[in-house]
C-alpha atoms as a PDB file:
ATOM      1  CA  MET A   1      -8.885  10.273 -14.915  1.00  0.00           C
ATOM      2  CA  VAL A   2     -10.436   6.986 -14.366  1.00  0.00           C
ATOM      3  CA  HIS A   3     -13.708   6.349 -12.449  1.00  0.00           C
ATOM      4  CA  LEU A   4     -13.185   3.241 -10.296  1.00  0.00           C
ATOM      5  CA  THR A   5     -15.705   0.870  -8.720  1.00  0.00           C
ATOM      6  CA  GLY A   6     -15.160  -2.313  -6.797  1.00  0.00           C
ATOM      7  CA  ALA A   7     -14.240  -3.728  -3.397  1.00  0.00           C
ATOM      8  CA  ALA A   8     -11.182  -4.086  -1.257  1.00  0.00           C
ATOM      9  CA  HIS A   9     -10.480  -7.239   0.874  1.00  0.00           C
ATOM     10  CA  THR A  10      -8.461  -6.311   4.001  1.00  0.00           C
ATOM     11  CA  VAL A  11      -6.829  -8.658   6.419  1.00  0.00           C
ATOM     12  CA  PHE A  12      -5.454  -7.509   9.812  1.00  0.00           C
ATOM     13  CA  ALA A  13      -3.263  -9.597  12.117  1.00  0.00           C
ATOM     14  CA  VAL A  14      -2.560  -8.124  15.548  1.00  0.00           C
ATOM     15  CA  THR A  15      -0.388  -9.802  18.179  1.00  0.00           C
ATOM     16  CA  ARG A  16       1.253  -8.939  21.512  1.00  0.00           C
ATOM     17  CA  ASP A  17       4.498 -10.521  22.501  1.00  0.00           C
ATOM     18  CA  ALA A  18       5.688 -11.609  25.961  1.00  0.00           C
ATOM     19  CA  ASN A  19       7.561  -8.280  26.420  1.00  0.00           C
ATOM     20  CA  GLY A  20       4.518  -6.100  25.765  1.00  0.00           C
ATOM     21  CA  GLY A  21       5.450  -5.392  22.089  1.00  0.00           C
ATOM     22  CA  LEU A  22       2.600  -4.904  19.630  1.00  0.00           C
ATOM     23  CA  HIS A  23       2.813  -6.289  16.046  1.00  0.00           C
ATOM     24  CA  ILE A  24       0.355  -5.306  13.396  1.00  0.00           C
ATOM     25  CA  ALA A  25       0.426  -6.622   9.915  1.00  0.00           C
ATOM     26  CA  THR A  26      -2.127  -5.556   7.297  1.00  0.00           C
ATOM     27  CA  HIS A  27      -2.755  -6.769   3.712  1.00  0.00           C
ATOM     28  CA  VAL A  28      -5.129  -5.103   1.294  1.00  0.00           C
ATOM     29  CA  ASN A  29      -6.116  -6.724  -2.053  1.00  0.00           C
ATOM     30  CA  THR A  30      -8.500  -5.083  -4.405  1.00  0.00           C
ATOM     31  CA  ALA A  31     -10.861  -7.768  -5.647  1.00  0.00           C
ATOM     32  CA  GLY A  32     -12.848  -6.940  -8.849  1.00  0.00           C
ATOM     33  CA  LEU A  33     -11.770  -3.305  -8.904  1.00  0.00           C
ATOM     34  CA  SER A  34     -12.230  -1.838 -12.302  1.00  0.00           C
ATOM     35  CA  GLY A  35     -12.851   1.584 -13.996  1.00  0.00           C
ATOM     36  CA  VAL A  36     -13.588   3.482 -17.117  1.00  0.00           C
ATOM     37  CA  GLY A  37     -11.376   6.294 -18.461  1.00  0.00           C
ATOM     38  CA  LEU A  38     -13.430   9.510 -18.318  1.00  0.00           C
ATOM     39  CA  THR A  39     -11.863  10.872 -21.643  1.00  0.00           C
ATOM     40  CA  THR A  40     -10.924   7.641 -23.448  1.00  0.00           C
ATOM     41  CA  GLY A  41     -13.751   5.223 -22.493  1.00  0.00           C
ATOM     42  CA  ASN A  42     -11.078   2.526 -22.083  1.00  0.00           C
ATOM     43  CA  THR A  43     -11.770  -0.198 -19.442  1.00  0.00           C
ATOM     44  CA  TYR A  44      -9.149  -0.464 -16.696  1.00  0.00           C
ATOM     45  CA  HIS A  45      -8.608  -3.336 -14.192  1.00  0.00           C
ATOM     46  CA  ALA A  46      -6.795  -2.504 -10.983  1.00  0.00           C
ATOM     47  CA  SER A  47      -4.627  -4.678  -8.657  1.00  0.00           C
ATOM     48  CA  GLN A  48      -3.435  -3.167  -5.501  1.00  0.00           C
ATOM     49  CA  PRO A  49      -1.692  -5.644  -3.060  1.00  0.00           C
ATOM     50  CA  ASP A  50      -0.733  -3.401  -0.121  1.00  0.00           C
ATOM     51  CA  SER A  51       0.974  -4.351   3.106  1.00  0.00           C
ATOM     52  CA  PHE A  52       1.708  -2.522   6.276  1.00  0.00           C
ATOM     53  CA  VAL A  53       3.839  -3.874   9.123  1.00  0.00           C
ATOM     54  CA  SER A  54       4.226  -2.138  12.477  1.00  0.00           C
ATOM     55  CA  ASN A  55       6.375  -3.376  15.418  1.00  0.00           C
ATOM     56  CA  SER A  56       6.399  -1.451  18.638  1.00  0.00           C
ATOM     57  CA  GLY A  57       7.909  -2.174  22.037  1.00  0.00           C
ATOM     58  CA  GLY A  58      10.073  -0.646  24.768  1.00  0.00           C
ATOM     59  CA  ALA A  59      12.574   0.705  22.099  1.00  0.00           C
ATOM     60  CA  GLY A  60      10.096   2.541  20.051  1.00  0.00           C
ATOM     61  CA  ASN A  61       7.925   1.948  16.987  1.00  0.00           C
ATOM     62  CA  GLU A  62       9.147   0.762  13.611  1.00  0.00           C
ATOM     63  CA  PHE A  63       6.760   0.599  10.567  1.00  0.00           C
ATOM     64  CA  THR A  64       7.007  -0.357   6.874  1.00  0.00           C
ATOM     65  CA  PHE A  65       4.334   0.459   4.210  1.00  0.00           C
ATOM     66  CA  ILE A  66       4.572  -1.057   0.738  1.00  0.00           C
ATOM     67  CA  ASN A  67       2.201  -0.010  -1.993  1.00  0.00           C
ATOM     68  CA  ASN A  68       2.189  -1.686  -5.478  1.00  0.00           C
ATOM     69  CA  PHE A  69      -0.589  -0.413  -7.731  1.00  0.00           C
ATOM     70  CA  LEU A  70      -1.159  -1.690 -11.195  1.00  0.00           C
ATOM     71  CA  MET A  71      -3.886  -0.601 -13.476  1.00  0.00           C
ATOM     72  CA  THR A  72      -4.102  -2.321 -16.873  1.00  0.00           C
ATOM     73  CA  ALA A  73      -5.909  -1.161 -19.939  1.00  0.00           C
ATOM     74  CA  PRO A  74      -6.072  -2.533 -23.553  1.00  0.00           C
ATOM     75  CA  GLY A  75      -3.459  -1.369 -26.071  1.00  0.00           C
ATOM     76  CA  PRO A  76       0.224  -0.548 -25.795  1.00  0.00           C
ATOM     77  CA  GLY A  77       1.366   2.024 -23.322  1.00  0.00           C
ATOM     78  CA  ASN A  78      -1.937   2.348 -21.338  1.00  0.00           C
ATOM     79  CA  ASN A  79      -0.918   0.502 -18.173  1.00  0.00           C
ATOM     80  CA  VAL A  80       0.092   2.440 -14.998  1.00  0.00           C
ATOM     81  CA  ARG A  81       2.434   0.991 -12.384  1.00  0.00           C
ATOM     82  CA  VAL A  82       3.003   2.664  -8.983  1.00  0.00           C
ATOM     83  CA  HIS A  83       5.458   1.450  -6.344  1.00  0.00           C
ATOM     84  CA  GLU A  84       5.857   3.125  -2.916  1.00  0.00           C
ATOM     85  CA  LEU A  85       7.994   2.017   0.017  1.00  0.00           C
ATOM     86  CA  ILE A  86       7.864   3.907   3.297  1.00  0.00           C
ATOM     87  CA  HIS A  87       9.956   2.803   6.208  1.00  0.00           C
ATOM     88  CA  GLY A  88      10.247   4.723   9.486  1.00  0.00           C
ATOM     89  CA  TYR A  89      11.180   4.639  13.147  1.00  0.00           C
ATOM     90  CA  ILE A  90       9.496   6.612  15.961  1.00  0.00           C
ATOM     91  CA  ASP A  91      11.478   6.707  19.274  1.00  0.00           C
ATOM     92  CA  THR A  92       9.905   6.289  22.754  1.00  0.00           C
ATOM     93  CA  ASN A  93       9.465  10.100  22.997  1.00  0.00           C
ATOM     94  CA  GLY A  94       7.329  10.207  19.884  1.00  0.00           C
ATOM     95  CA  ASN A  95      10.024  11.797  17.657  1.00  0.00           C
ATOM     96  CA  VAL A  96      10.327  10.605  13.996  1.00  0.00           C
ATOM     97  CA  VAL A  97      13.966   9.479  13.889  1.00  0.00           C
ATOM     98  CA  ALA A  98      14.166   8.071  10.359  1.00  0.00           C
ATOM     99  CA  VAL A  99      11.864   7.818   7.372  1.00  0.00           C
ATOM    100  CA  ILE A 100      12.732   6.272   3.998  1.00  0.00           C
ATOM    101  CA  ASP A 101      10.300   7.110   1.205  1.00  0.00           C
ATOM    102  CA  ASN A 102      10.935   5.631  -2.276  1.00  0.00           C
ATOM    103  CA  PHE A 103       8.215   6.369  -4.873  1.00  0.00           C
ATOM    104  CA  THR A 104       8.241   5.387  -8.517  1.00  0.00           C
ATOM    105  CA  SER A 105       5.724   5.234 -11.290  1.00  0.00           C
ATOM    106  CA  ASP A 106       5.588   4.481 -15.023  1.00  0.00           C
ATOM    107  CA  CYS A 107       3.311   3.752 -17.881  1.00  0.00           C
ATOM    108  CA  GLY A 108       3.764   0.662 -19.981  1.00  0.00           C
END
């Protein structure tokens, strides 16, 4: 367990194309996010560049979410890396047609 404090900087870009499609792109960067291990007292520094892309139009809604989270600590084997990729498609009736979810994590 790590108690984290800090801030997140989020940028949104929303555009509508000539055919009425809506395109949303989001990027999140944790600036100065750090923490203290509740059992070890180690200092951790986090980096979390996230992105989310959504494209919708007459054919449905396609989205991609990418999460890369890195928390570094002093000493060997104390870092934590997490990678998550979610990609999906929702048809014009609101049915989820396809979702790909790839999640990995490791310490190093």
